[in-house]
């Protein structure tokens, strides 16, 4: 039963954070950013927020710095929107799965070209 609640809380945090980042944050360093997933610990004390940023490494690091700076604001707004006794600590990480998937797809495309030649 606890795993179901953790999953629901994670999905709610993902939804609310996406809206907050999109509408409330006015930092120009934040580029085209998507919240791809949220992992919440069983005791709801920490939430790892997985992000996908469109752009080069510099844009990724700038977006991460801006989010770290806005961490307190995001956490307090999240506490207002999601009714929990304690708002989890937010830890931002890059989601490398999309880049990894496109890299694998590119390699498979190259293999396909080489086989047809």
PDB file of N, CA and C in Angstrom:
ATOM      1  N   UNK A   1       0.816  -1.198   0.000  1.00  0.00           N
ATOM      2  CA  UNK A   1       0.000   0.000   0.000  1.00  0.00           C
ATOM      3  C   UNK A   1       0.863   1.268   0.000  1.00  0.00           C
ATOM      4  N   UNK A   2       2.004   1.221   0.707  1.00  0.00           N
ATOM      5  CA  UNK A   2       2.881   2.393   0.779  1.00  0.00           C
ATOM      6  C   UNK A   2       3.487   2.711  -0.587  1.00  0.00           C
ATOM      7  N   UNK A   3       3.795   1.669  -1.376  1.00  0.00           N
ATOM      8  CA  UNK A   3       4.382   1.894  -2.696  1.00  0.00           C
ATOM      9  C   UNK A   3       3.407   2.617  -3.619  1.00  0.00           C
ATOM     10  N   UNK A   4       2.127   2.306  -3.477  1.00  0.00           N
ATOM     11  CA  UNK A   4       1.116   2.972  -4.298  1.00  0.00           C
ATOM     12  C   UNK A   4       1.067   4.457  -3.949  1.00  0.00           C
ATOM     13  N   UNK A   5       1.114   4.763  -2.651  1.00  0.00           N
ATOM     14  CA  UNK A   5       1.078   6.161  -2.214  1.00  0.00           C
ATOM     15  C   UNK A   5       2.311   6.912  -2.690  1.00  0.00           C
ATOM     16  N   UNK A   6       3.480   6.285  -2.575  1.00  0.00           N
ATOM     17  CA  UNK A   6       4.719   6.924  -3.027  1.00  0.00           C
ATOM     18  C   UNK A   6       4.635   7.226  -4.521  1.00  0.00           C
ATOM     19  N   UNK A   7       4.095   6.299  -5.286  1.00  0.00           N
ATOM     20  CA  UNK A   7       3.936   6.506  -6.727  1.00  0.00           C
ATOM     21  C   UNK A   7       2.988   7.655  -7.038  1.00  0.00           C
ATOM     22  N   UNK A   8       1.876   7.715  -6.301  1.00  0.00           N
ATOM     23  CA  UNK A   8       0.911   8.801  -6.512  1.00  0.00           C
ATOM     24  C   UNK A   8       1.509  10.149  -6.145  1.00  0.00           C
ATOM     25  N   UNK A   9       2.235  10.201  -5.039  1.00  0.00           N
ATOM     26  CA  UNK A   9       2.873  11.447  -4.609  1.00  0.00           C
ATOM     27  C   UNK A   9       3.909  11.876  -5.644  1.00  0.00           C
ATOM     28  N   UNK A  10       4.687  10.927  -6.160  1.00  0.00           N
ATOM     29  CA  UNK A  10       5.680  11.232  -7.185  1.00  0.00           C
ATOM     30  C   UNK A  10       5.052  11.811  -8.439  1.00  0.00           C
ATOM     31  N   UNK A  11       3.952  11.229  -8.877  1.00  0.00           N
ATOM     32  CA  UNK A  11       3.261  11.737 -10.074  1.00  0.00           C
ATOM     33  C   UNK A  11       2.693  13.123  -9.829  1.00  0.00           C
ATOM     34  N   UNK A  12       2.160  13.359  -8.634  1.00  0.00           N
ATOM     35  CA  UNK A  12       1.622  14.676  -8.303  1.00  0.00           C
ATOM     36  C   UNK A  12       2.730  15.721  -8.260  1.00  0.00           C
ATOM     37  N   UNK A  13       3.877  15.366  -7.687  1.00  0.00           N
ATOM     38  CA  UNK A  13       5.020  16.284  -7.647  1.00  0.00           C
ATOM     39  C   UNK A  13       5.482  16.595  -9.066  1.00  0.00           C
ATOM     40  N   UNK A  14       5.540  15.587  -9.910  1.00  0.00           N
ATOM     41  CA  UNK A  14       5.954  15.782 -11.307  1.00  0.00           C
ATOM     42  C   UNK A  14       5.025  16.766 -12.019  1.00  0.00           C
ATOM     43  N   UNK A  15       3.735  16.581 -11.843  1.00  0.00           N
ATOM     44  CA  UNK A  15       2.746  17.448 -12.488  1.00  0.00           C
ATOM     45  C   UNK A  15       2.859  18.885 -11.986  1.00  0.00           C
ATOM     46  N   UNK A  16       2.929  19.056 -10.673  1.00  0.00           N
ATOM     47  CA  UNK A  16       2.976  20.394 -10.093  1.00  0.00           C
ATOM     48  C   UNK A  16       4.285  21.109 -10.423  1.00  0.00           C
ATOM     49  N   UNK A  17       5.407  20.381 -10.366  1.00  0.00           N
ATOM     50  CA  UNK A  17       6.697  21.002 -10.691  1.00  0.00           C
ATOM     51  C   UNK A  17       6.759  21.431 -12.155  1.00  0.00           C
ATOM     52  N   UNK A  18       6.193  20.630 -13.039  1.00  0.00           N
ATOM     53  CA  UNK A  18       6.167  21.004 -14.454  1.00  0.00           C
ATOM     54  C   UNK A  18       5.430  22.324 -14.639  1.00  0.00           C
ATOM     55  N   UNK A  19       4.286  22.445 -13.985  1.00  0.00           N
ATOM     56  CA  UNK A  19       3.515  23.685 -14.087  1.00  0.00           C
ATOM     57  C   UNK A  19       4.264  24.862 -13.464  1.00  0.00           C
ATOM     58  N   UNK A  20       4.878  24.633 -12.298  1.00  0.00           N
ATOM     59  CA  UNK A  20       5.617  25.706 -11.626  1.00  0.00           C
ATOM     60  C   UNK A  20       6.777  26.211 -12.471  1.00  0.00           C
ATOM     61  N   UNK A  21       7.566  25.284 -13.017  1.00  0.00           N
ATOM     62  CA  UNK A  21       8.730  25.673 -13.807  1.00  0.00           C
ATOM     63  C   UNK A  21       8.294  26.422 -15.058  1.00  0.00           C
ATOM     64  N   UNK A  22       7.207  25.962 -15.665  1.00  0.00           N
ATOM     65  CA  UNK A  22       6.726  26.559 -16.901  1.00  0.00           C
ATOM     66  C   UNK A  22       6.120  27.944 -16.673  1.00  0.00           C
ATOM     67  N   UNK A  23       5.331  28.115 -15.612  1.00  0.00           N
ATOM     68  CA  UNK A  23       4.573  29.353 -15.471  1.00  0.00           C
ATOM     69  C   UNK A  23       5.143  30.330 -14.446  1.00  0.00           C
ATOM     70  N   UNK A  24       5.770  29.853 -13.378  1.00  0.00           N
ATOM     71  CA  UNK A  24       6.168  30.730 -12.281  1.00  0.00           C
ATOM     72  C   UNK A  24       7.615  31.197 -12.351  1.00  0.00           C
ATOM     73  N   UNK A  25       8.513  30.363 -12.846  1.00  0.00           N
ATOM     74  CA  UNK A  25       9.934  30.736 -12.874  1.00  0.00           C
ATOM     75  C   UNK A  25      10.215  31.641 -14.065  1.00  0.00           C
ATOM     76  N   UNK A  26      10.842  32.770 -13.780  1.00  0.00           N
ATOM     77  CA  UNK A  26      11.134  33.747 -14.831  1.00  0.00           C
ATOM     78  C   UNK A  26      12.634  33.847 -15.122  1.00  0.00           C
ATOM     79  N   UNK A  27      13.402  32.890 -14.638  1.00  0.00           N
ATOM     80  CA  UNK A  27      14.858  32.921 -14.824  1.00  0.00           C
ATOM     81  C   UNK A  27      15.191  32.654 -16.296  1.00  0.00           C
ATOM     82  N   UNK A  28      15.927  33.558 -16.950  1.00  0.00           N
ATOM     83  CA  UNK A  28      16.243  33.367 -18.372  1.00  0.00           C
ATOM     84  C   UNK A  28      17.221  32.215 -18.633  1.00  0.00           C
ATOM     85  N   UNK A  29      17.901  31.729 -17.576  1.00  0.00           N
ATOM     86  CA  UNK A  29      18.847  30.628 -17.765  1.00  0.00           C
ATOM     87  C   UNK A  29      18.137  29.305 -18.011  1.00  0.00           C
ATOM     88  N   UNK A  30      16.879  29.218 -17.619  1.00  0.00           N
ATOM     89  CA  UNK A  30      16.139  27.972 -17.801  1.00  0.00           C
ATOM     90  C   UNK A  30      15.677  27.904 -19.246  1.00  0.00           C
ATOM     91  N   UNK A  31      16.178  26.919 -19.954  1.00  0.00           N
ATOM     92  CA  UNK A  31      15.831  26.745 -21.351  1.00  0.00           C
ATOM     93  C   UNK A  31      14.583  25.900 -21.497  1.00  0.00           C
ATOM     94  N   UNK A  32      14.506  25.174 -22.601  1.00  0.00           N
ATOM     95  CA  UNK A  32      13.384  24.278 -22.838  1.00  0.00           C
ATOM     96  C   UNK A  32      13.604  23.036 -21.986  1.00  0.00           C
ATOM     97  N   UNK A  33      12.867  22.940 -20.895  1.00  0.00           N
ATOM     98  CA  UNK A  33      13.107  21.937 -19.875  1.00  0.00           C
ATOM     99  C   UNK A  33      11.848  21.105 -19.667  1.00  0.00           C
ATOM    100  N   UNK A  34      12.030  19.795 -19.508  1.00  0.00           N
ATOM    101  CA  UNK A  34      10.917  18.887 -19.263  1.00  0.00           C
ATOM    102  C   UNK A  34      11.228  18.030 -18.045  1.00  0.00           C
ATOM    103  N   UNK A  35      10.250  17.895 -17.166  1.00  0.00           N
ATOM    104  CA  UNK A  35      10.381  16.984 -16.026  1.00  0.00           C
ATOM    105  C   UNK A  35       9.966  15.606 -16.531  1.00  0.00           C
ATOM    106  N   UNK A  36      10.925  14.679 -16.598  1.00  0.00           N
ATOM    107  CA  UNK A  36      10.641  13.358 -17.166  1.00  0.00           C
ATOM    108  C   UNK A  36      10.242  12.327 -16.128  1.00  0.00           C
ATOM    109  N   UNK A  37      10.637  12.549 -14.875  1.00  0.00           N
ATOM    110  CA  UNK A  37      10.288  11.571 -13.849  1.00  0.00           C
ATOM    111  C   UNK A  37      10.631  12.070 -12.465  1.00  0.00           C
ATOM    112  N   UNK A  38      10.001  11.436 -11.474  1.00  0.00           N
ATOM    113  CA  UNK A  38      10.252  11.773 -10.078  1.00  0.00           C
ATOM    114  C   UNK A  38      10.337  10.477  -9.298  1.00  0.00           C
ATOM    115  N   UNK A  39      11.437  10.291  -8.552  1.00  0.00           N
ATOM    116  CA  UNK A  39      11.581   9.158  -7.637  1.00  0.00           C
ATOM    117  C   UNK A  39      11.521   9.697  -6.217  1.00  0.00           C
ATOM    118  N   UNK A  40      10.552   9.219  -5.456  1.00  0.00           N
ATOM    119  CA  UNK A  40      10.380   9.669  -4.084  1.00  0.00           C
ATOM    120  C   UNK A  40      10.779   8.521  -3.166  1.00  0.00           C
ATOM    121  N   UNK A  41      11.523   8.843  -2.097  1.00  0.00           N
ATOM    122  CA  UNK A  41      11.894   7.813  -1.134  1.00  0.00           C
ATOM    123  C   UNK A  41      10.649   7.352  -0.381  1.00  0.00           C
ATOM    124  N   UNK A  42      10.734   6.175   0.236  1.00  0.00           N
ATOM    125  CA  UNK A  42       9.576   5.600   0.917  1.00  0.00           C
ATOM    126  C   UNK A  42       9.065   6.467   2.066  1.00  0.00           C
ATOM    127  N   UNK A  43       9.972   7.187   2.729  1.00  0.00           N
ATOM    128  CA  UNK A  43       9.542   8.045   3.833  1.00  0.00           C
ATOM    129  C   UNK A  43       9.164   9.456   3.366  1.00  0.00           C
ATOM    130  N   UNK A  44       9.155   9.689   2.052  1.00  0.00           N
ATOM    131  CA  UNK A  44       8.774  10.961   1.429  1.00  0.00           C
ATOM    132  C   UNK A  44       9.661  12.128   1.877  1.00  0.00           C
ATOM    133  N   UNK A  45      10.911  11.840   2.229  1.00  0.00           N
ATOM    134  CA  UNK A  45      11.805  12.907   2.674  1.00  0.00           C
ATOM    135  C   UNK A  45      12.601  13.518   1.525  1.00  0.00           C
ATOM    136  N   UNK A  46      12.816  12.756   0.456  1.00  0.00           N
ATOM    137  CA  UNK A  46      13.571  13.248  -0.691  1.00  0.00           C
ATOM    138  C   UNK A  46      12.856  12.876  -1.979  1.00  0.00           C
ATOM    139  N   UNK A  47      12.982  13.759  -2.955  1.00  0.00           N
ATOM    140  CA  UNK A  47      12.439  13.500  -4.285  1.00  0.00           C
ATOM    141  C   UNK A  47      13.525  13.819  -5.304  1.00  0.00           C
ATOM    142  N   UNK A  48      13.897  12.817  -6.095  1.00  0.00           N
ATOM    143  CA  UNK A  48      14.853  13.043  -7.179  1.00  0.00           C
ATOM    144  C   UNK A  48      14.041  13.407  -8.415  1.00  0.00           C
ATOM    145  N   UNK A  49      14.313  14.589  -8.937  1.00  0.00           N
ATOM    146  CA  UNK A  49      13.591  15.111 -10.088  1.00  0.00           C
ATOM    147  C   UNK A  49      14.483  14.910 -11.313  1.00  0.00           C
ATOM    148  N   UNK A  50      14.007  14.131 -12.284  1.00  0.00           N
ATOM    149  CA  UNK A  50      14.780  13.873 -13.494  1.00  0.00           C
ATOM    150  C   UNK A  50      14.330  14.837 -14.585  1.00  0.00           C
ATOM    151  N   UNK A  51      15.303  15.515 -15.196  1.00  0.00           N
ATOM    152  CA  UNK A  51      15.031  16.566 -16.158  1.00  0.00           C
ATOM    153  C   UNK A  51      15.644  16.251 -17.511  1.00  0.00           C
ATOM    154  N   UNK A  52      14.971  16.702 -18.531  1.00  0.00           N
ATOM    155  CA  UNK A  52      15.508  16.640 -19.879  1.00  0.00           C
ATOM    156  C   UNK A  52      15.569  18.074 -20.393  1.00  0.00           C
ATOM    157  N   UNK A  53      16.746  18.499 -20.851  1.00  0.00           N
ATOM    158  CA  UNK A  53      16.937  19.867 -21.327  1.00  0.00           C
ATOM    159  C   UNK A  53      17.353  19.809 -22.786  1.00  0.00           C
ATOM    160  N   UNK A  54      16.652  20.584 -23.598  1.00  0.00           N
ATOM    161  CA  UNK A  54      16.985  20.666 -25.010  1.00  0.00           C
ATOM    162  C   UNK A  54      18.112  21.682 -25.172  1.00  0.00           C
ATOM    163  N   UNK A  55      19.220  21.263 -25.739  1.00  0.00           N
ATOM    164  CA  UNK A  55      20.331  22.178 -25.945  1.00  0.00           C
ATOM    165  C   UNK A  55      21.664  21.523 -25.627  1.00  0.00           C
ATOM    166  N   UNK A  56      22.700  22.346 -25.633  1.00  0.00           N
ATOM    167  CA  UNK A  56      24.047  21.828 -25.395  1.00  0.00           C
ATOM    168  C   UNK A  56      24.343  21.755 -23.892  1.00  0.00           C
ATOM    169  N   UNK A  57      25.567  21.354 -23.573  1.00  0.00           N
ATOM    170  CA  UNK A  57      25.964  21.165 -22.171  1.00  0.00           C
ATOM    171  C   UNK A  57      25.890  22.466 -21.371  1.00  0.00           C
ATOM    172  N   UNK A  58      26.224  23.580 -22.013  1.00  0.00           N
ATOM    173  CA  UNK A  58      26.184  24.860 -21.311  1.00  0.00           C
ATOM    174  C   UNK A  58      24.751  25.212 -20.894  1.00  0.00           C
ATOM    175  N   UNK A  59      23.792  24.966 -21.790  1.00  0.00           N
ATOM    176  CA  UNK A  59      22.392  25.234 -21.462  1.00  0.00           C
ATOM    177  C   UNK A  59      21.909  24.308 -20.348  1.00  0.00           C
ATOM    178  N   UNK A  60      22.382  23.071 -20.359  1.00  0.00           N
ATOM    179  CA  UNK A  60      22.003  22.124 -19.306  1.00  0.00           C
ATOM    180  C   UNK A  60      22.512  22.587 -17.951  1.00  0.00           C
ATOM    181  N   UNK A  61      23.786  22.971 -17.897  1.00  0.00           N
ATOM    182  CA  UNK A  61      24.349  23.402 -16.613  1.00  0.00           C
ATOM    183  C   UNK A  61      23.715  24.702 -16.135  1.00  0.00           C
ATOM    184  N   UNK A  62      23.417  25.630 -17.062  1.00  0.00           N
ATOM    185  CA  UNK A  62      22.751  26.875 -16.679  1.00  0.00           C
ATOM    186  C   UNK A  62      21.356  26.607 -16.134  1.00  0.00           C
ATOM    187  N   UNK A  63      20.631  25.694 -16.768  1.00  0.00           N
ATOM    188  CA  UNK A  63      19.289  25.354 -16.295  1.00  0.00           C
ATOM    189  C   UNK A  63      19.351  24.719 -14.913  1.00  0.00           C
ATOM    190  N   UNK A  64      20.330  23.846 -14.708  1.00  0.00           N
ATOM    191  CA  UNK A  64      20.470  23.189 -13.410  1.00  0.00           C
ATOM    192  C   UNK A  64      20.829  24.204 -12.319  1.00  0.00           C
ATOM    193  N   UNK A  65      21.720  25.155 -12.633  1.00  0.00           N
ATOM    194  CA  UNK A  65      22.077  26.193 -11.664  1.00  0.00           C
ATOM    195  C   UNK A  65      20.860  27.043 -11.305  1.00  0.00           C
ATOM    196  N   UNK A  66      20.064  27.387 -12.307  1.00  0.00           N
ATOM    197  CA  UNK A  66      18.867  28.202 -12.063  1.00  0.00           C
ATOM    198  C   UNK A  66      17.870  27.453 -11.193  1.00  0.00           C
ATOM    199  N   UNK A  67      17.711  26.155 -11.431  1.00  0.00           N
ATOM    200  CA  UNK A  67      16.779  25.361 -10.627  1.00  0.00           C
ATOM    201  C   UNK A  67      17.284  25.208  -9.198  1.00  0.00           C
ATOM    202  N   UNK A  68      18.592  25.041  -9.029  1.00  0.00           N
ATOM    203  CA  UNK A  68      19.157  24.945  -7.683  1.00  0.00           C
ATOM    204  C   UNK A  68      18.939  26.247  -6.922  1.00  0.00           C
ATOM    205  N   UNK A  69      19.054  27.360  -7.623  1.00  0.00           N
ATOM    206  CA  UNK A  69      18.835  28.661  -6.989  1.00  0.00           C
ATOM    207  C   UNK A  69      17.362  28.840  -6.600  1.00  0.00           C
ATOM    208  N   UNK A  70      16.460  28.302  -7.413  1.00  0.00           N
ATOM    209  CA  UNK A  70      15.023  28.431  -7.157  1.00  0.00           C
ATOM    210  C   UNK A  70      14.484  27.282  -6.316  1.00  0.00           C
ATOM    211  N   UNK A  71      15.360  26.435  -5.787  1.00  0.00           N
ATOM    212  CA  UNK A  71      14.947  25.239  -5.044  1.00  0.00           C
ATOM    213  C   UNK A  71      14.018  25.575  -3.879  1.00  0.00           C
ATOM    214  N   UNK A  72      14.357  26.579  -3.103  1.00  0.00           N
ATOM    215  CA  UNK A  72      13.544  26.963  -1.952  1.00  0.00           C
ATOM    216  C   UNK A  72      12.161  27.425  -2.365  1.00  0.00           C
ATOM    217  N   UNK A  73      12.110  28.251  -3.418  1.00  0.00           N
ATOM    218  CA  UNK A  73      10.827  28.723  -3.927  1.00  0.00           C
ATOM    219  C   UNK A  73       9.976  27.561  -4.430  1.00  0.00           C
ATOM    220  N   UNK A  74      10.595  26.674  -5.214  1.00  0.00           N
ATOM    221  CA  UNK A  74       9.863  25.531  -5.762  1.00  0.00           C
ATOM    222  C   UNK A  74       9.336  24.637  -4.644  1.00  0.00           C
ATOM    223  N   UNK A  75      10.158  24.415  -3.640  1.00  0.00           N
ATOM    224  CA  UNK A  75       9.758  23.545  -2.533  1.00  0.00           C
ATOM    225  C   UNK A  75       8.602  24.158  -1.739  1.00  0.00           C
ATOM    226  N   UNK A  76       8.660  25.467  -1.492  1.00  0.00           N
ATOM    227  CA  UNK A  76       7.573  26.103  -0.740  1.00  0.00           C
ATOM    228  C   UNK A  76       6.281  26.125  -1.541  1.00  0.00           C
ATOM    229  N   UNK A  77       6.365  26.405  -2.834  1.00  0.00           N
ATOM    230  CA  UNK A  77       5.163  26.383  -3.675  1.00  0.00           C
ATOM    231  C   UNK A  77       4.595  24.974  -3.788  1.00  0.00           C
ATOM    232  N   UNK A  78       5.483  23.990  -3.863  1.00  0.00           N
ATOM    233  CA  UNK A  78       5.051  22.597  -3.916  1.00  0.00           C
ATOM    234  C   UNK A  78       4.336  22.220  -2.623  1.00  0.00           C
ATOM    235  N   UNK A  79       4.834  22.721  -1.500  1.00  0.00           N
ATOM    236  CA  UNK A  79       4.193  22.465  -0.218  1.00  0.00           C
ATOM    237  C   UNK A  79       2.795  23.035  -0.143  1.00  0.00           C
ATOM    238  N   UNK A  80       2.565  24.166  -0.807  1.00  0.00           N
ATOM    239  CA  UNK A  80       1.223  24.769  -0.828  1.00  0.00           C
ATOM    240  C   UNK A  80       0.266  23.972  -1.707  1.00  0.00           C
ATOM    241  N   UNK A  81       0.803  23.419  -2.800  1.00  0.00           N
ATOM    242  CA  UNK A  81      -0.059  22.743  -3.774  1.00  0.00           C
ATOM    243  C   UNK A  81      -0.310  21.273  -3.455  1.00  0.00           C
ATOM    244  N   UNK A  82       0.684  20.598  -2.887  1.00  0.00           N
ATOM    245  CA  UNK A  82       0.556  19.181  -2.541  1.00  0.00           C
ATOM    246  C   UNK A  82       0.438  19.090  -1.026  1.00  0.00           C
ATOM    247  N   UNK A  83      -0.649  18.547  -0.559  1.00  0.00           N
ATOM    248  CA  UNK A  83      -0.925  18.528   0.872  1.00  0.00           C
ATOM    249  C   UNK A  83      -0.185  17.372   1.541  1.00  0.00           C
ATOM    250  N   UNK A  84       1.024  17.663   2.018  1.00  0.00           N
ATOM    251  CA  UNK A  84       1.830  16.700   2.747  1.00  0.00           C
ATOM    252  C   UNK A  84       2.272  17.338   4.062  1.00  0.00           C
ATOM    253  N   UNK A  85       2.518  16.522   5.051  1.00  0.00           N
ATOM    254  CA  UNK A  85       3.001  17.051   6.333  1.00  0.00           C
ATOM    255  C   UNK A  85       4.375  17.703   6.164  1.00  0.00           C
ATOM    256  N   UNK A  86       5.264  17.025   5.455  1.00  0.00           N
ATOM    257  CA  UNK A  86       6.600  17.553   5.179  1.00  0.00           C
ATOM    258  C   UNK A  86       6.817  17.513   3.672  1.00  0.00           C
ATOM    259  N   UNK A  87       7.257  18.624   3.124  1.00  0.00           N
ATOM    260  CA  UNK A  87       7.560  18.675   1.693  1.00  0.00           C
ATOM    261  C   UNK A  87       8.924  18.046   1.470  1.00  0.00           C
ATOM    262  N   UNK A  88       9.039  17.127   0.520  1.00  0.00           N
ATOM    263  CA  UNK A  88      10.326  16.450   0.297  1.00  0.00           C
ATOM    264  C   UNK A  88      11.422  17.414  -0.174  1.00  0.00           C
ATOM    265  N   UNK A  89      12.652  17.059   0.149  1.00  0.00           N
ATOM    266  CA  UNK A  89      13.818  17.780  -0.352  1.00  0.00           C
ATOM    267  C   UNK A  89      13.940  17.471  -1.838  1.00  0.00           C
ATOM    268  N   UNK A  90      14.144  18.494  -2.656  1.00  0.00           N
ATOM    269  CA  UNK A  90      14.208  18.324  -4.106  1.00  0.00           C
ATOM    270  C   UNK A  90      15.650  18.196  -4.556  1.00  0.00           C
ATOM    271  N   UNK A  91      15.939  17.123  -5.287  1.00  0.00           N
ATOM    272  CA  UNK A  91      17.272  16.878  -5.836  1.00  0.00           C
ATOM    273  C   UNK A  91      17.119  16.772  -7.348  1.00  0.00           C
ATOM    274  N   UNK A  92      17.734  17.696  -8.080  1.00  0.00           N
ATOM    275  CA  UNK A  92      17.595  17.731  -9.533  1.00  0.00           C
ATOM    276  C   UNK A  92      18.714  16.956 -10.188  1.00  0.00           C
ATOM    277  N   UNK A  93      18.354  16.103 -11.164  1.00  0.00           N
ATOM    278  CA  UNK A  93      19.322  15.301 -11.928  1.00  0.00           C
ATOM    279  C   UNK A  93      18.901  15.302 -13.392  1.00  0.00           C
ATOM    280  N   UNK A  94      19.883  15.122 -14.265  1.00  0.00           N
ATOM    281  CA  UNK A  94      19.581  15.020 -15.687  1.00  0.00           C
ATOM    282  C   UNK A  94      19.155  13.601 -16.028  1.00  0.00           C
ATOM    283  N   UNK A  95      18.161  13.492 -16.890  1.00  0.00           N
ATOM    284  CA  UNK A  95      17.706  12.196 -17.375  1.00  0.00           C
ATOM    285  C   UNK A  95      18.487  11.889 -18.646  1.00  0.00           C
ATOM    286  N   UNK A  96      19.420  10.983 -18.539  1.00  0.00           N
ATOM    287  CA  UNK A  96      20.280  10.647 -19.676  1.00  0.00           C
ATOM    288  C   UNK A  96      19.647   9.612 -20.599  1.00  0.00           C
ATOM    289  N   UNK A  97      18.495   9.069 -20.248  1.00  0.00           N
ATOM    290  CA  UNK A  97      17.907   7.980 -21.028  1.00  0.00           C
ATOM    291  C   UNK A  97      17.502   8.430 -22.429  1.00  0.00           C
ATOM    292  N   UNK A  98      17.038   9.666 -22.580  1.00  0.00           N
ATOM    293  CA  UNK A  98      16.623  10.142 -23.900  1.00  0.00           C
ATOM    294  C   UNK A  98      17.840  10.285 -24.813  1.00  0.00           C
ATOM    295  N   UNK A  99      18.908  10.889 -24.295  1.00  0.00           N
ATOM    296  CA  UNK A  99      20.140  11.036 -25.081  1.00  0.00           C
ATOM    297  C   UNK A  99      20.729   9.661 -25.403  1.00  0.00           C
ATOM    298  N   UNK A 100      20.688   8.757 -24.438  1.00  0.00           N
ATOM    299  CA  UNK A 100      21.200   7.402 -24.649  1.00  0.00           C
ATOM    300  C   UNK A 100      20.381   6.691 -25.727  1.00  0.00           C
ATOM    301  N   UNK A 101      19.069   6.834 -25.671  1.00  0.00           N
ATOM    302  CA  UNK A 101      18.190   6.210 -26.665  1.00  0.00           C
ATOM    303  C   UNK A 101      18.445   6.733 -28.068  1.00  0.00           C
ATOM    304  N   UNK A 102      18.639   8.044 -28.208  1.00  0.00           N
ATOM    305  CA  UNK A 102      18.907   8.608 -29.538  1.00  0.00           C
ATOM    306  C   UNK A 102      20.278   8.171 -30.045  1.00  0.00           C
ATOM    307  N   UNK A 103      21.243   8.004 -29.119  1.00  0.00           N
ATOM    308  CA  UNK A 103      22.570   7.519 -29.506  1.00  0.00           C
ATOM    309  C   UNK A 103      22.475   6.081 -30.031  1.00  0.00           C
ATOM    310  N   UNK A 104      21.735   5.237 -29.350  1.00  0.00           N
ATOM    311  CA  UNK A 104      21.553   3.841 -29.785  1.00  0.00           C
ATOM    312  C   UNK A 104      20.835   3.798 -31.137  1.00  0.00           C
ATOM    313  N   UNK A 105      19.829   4.659 -31.295  1.00  0.00           N
ATOM    314  CA  UNK A 105      19.095   4.694 -32.563  1.00  0.00           C
ATOM    315  C   UNK A 105      20.011   5.111 -33.715  1.00  0.00           C
ATOM    316  N   UNK A 106      20.902   6.068 -33.456  1.00  0.00           N
ATOM    317  CA  UNK A 106      21.858   6.515 -34.475  1.00  0.00           C
ATOM    318  C   UNK A 106      22.810   5.374 -34.843  1.00  0.00           C
ATOM    319  N   UNK A 107      23.299   4.645 -33.819  1.00  0.00           N
ATOM    320  CA  UNK A 107      24.195   3.513 -34.087  1.00  0.00           C
ATOM    321  C   UNK A 107      23.494   2.426 -34.893  1.00  0.00           C
ATOM    322  N   UNK A 108      22.247   2.145 -34.555  1.00  0.00           N
ATOM    323  CA  UNK A 108      21.496   1.131 -35.307  1.00  0.00           C
ATOM    324  C   UNK A 108      21.266   1.578 -36.749  1.00  0.00           C
ATOM    325  N   UNK A 109      21.038   2.880 -36.949  1.00  0.00           N
ATOM    326  CA  UNK A 109      20.886   3.408 -38.306  1.00  0.00           C
ATOM    327  C   UNK A 109      22.164   3.253 -39.111  1.00  0.00           C
ATOM    328  N   UNK A 110      23.307   3.479 -38.483  1.00  0.00           N
ATOM    329  CA  UNK A 110      24.590   3.314 -39.167  1.00  0.00           C
ATOM    330  C   UNK A 110      24.832   1.848 -39.530  1.00  0.00           C
ATOM    331  N   UNK A 111      24.450   0.935 -38.629  1.00  0.00           N
ATOM    332  CA  UNK A 111      24.605  -0.487 -38.914  1.00  0.00           C
ATOM    333  C   UNK A 111      23.734  -0.876 -40.104  1.00  0.00           C
ATOM    334  N   UNK A 112      22.505  -0.340 -40.127  1.00  0.00           N
ATOM    335  CA  UNK A 112      21.596  -0.630 -41.245  1.00  0.00           C
ATOM    336  C   UNK A 112      22.141  -0.141 -42.560  1.00  0.00           C
ATOM    337  N   UNK A 113      22.770   1.039 -42.576  1.00  0.00           N
ATOM    338  CA  UNK A 113      23.362   1.584 -43.799  1.00  0.00           C
ATOM    339  C   UNK A 113      24.528   0.720 -44.271  1.00  0.00           C
ATOM    340  N   UNK A 114      25.367   0.263 -43.327  1.00  0.00           N
ATOM    341  CA  UNK A 114      26.524  -0.533 -43.667  1.00  0.00           C
ATOM    342  C   UNK A 114      26.122  -1.901 -44.219  1.00  0.00           C
ATOM    343  N   UNK A 115      25.038  -2.475 -43.704  1.00  0.00           N
ATOM    344  CA  UNK A 115      24.591  -3.783 -44.186  1.00  0.00           C
ATOM    345  C   UNK A 115      24.008  -3.708 -45.590  1.00  0.00           C
ATOM    346  N   UNK A 116      23.366  -2.586 -45.928  1.00  0.00           N
ATOM    347  CA  UNK A 116      22.749  -2.467 -47.243  1.00  0.00           C
ATOM    348  C   UNK A 116      23.801  -2.169 -48.328  1.00  0.00           C
ATOM    349  N   UNK A 117      24.977  -1.695 -47.942  1.00  0.00           N
ATOM    350  CA  UNK A 117      26.048  -1.411 -48.915  1.00  0.00           C
ATOM    351  C   UNK A 117      26.785  -2.618 -49.290  1.00  0.00           C
TER     352      UNK A 117
END
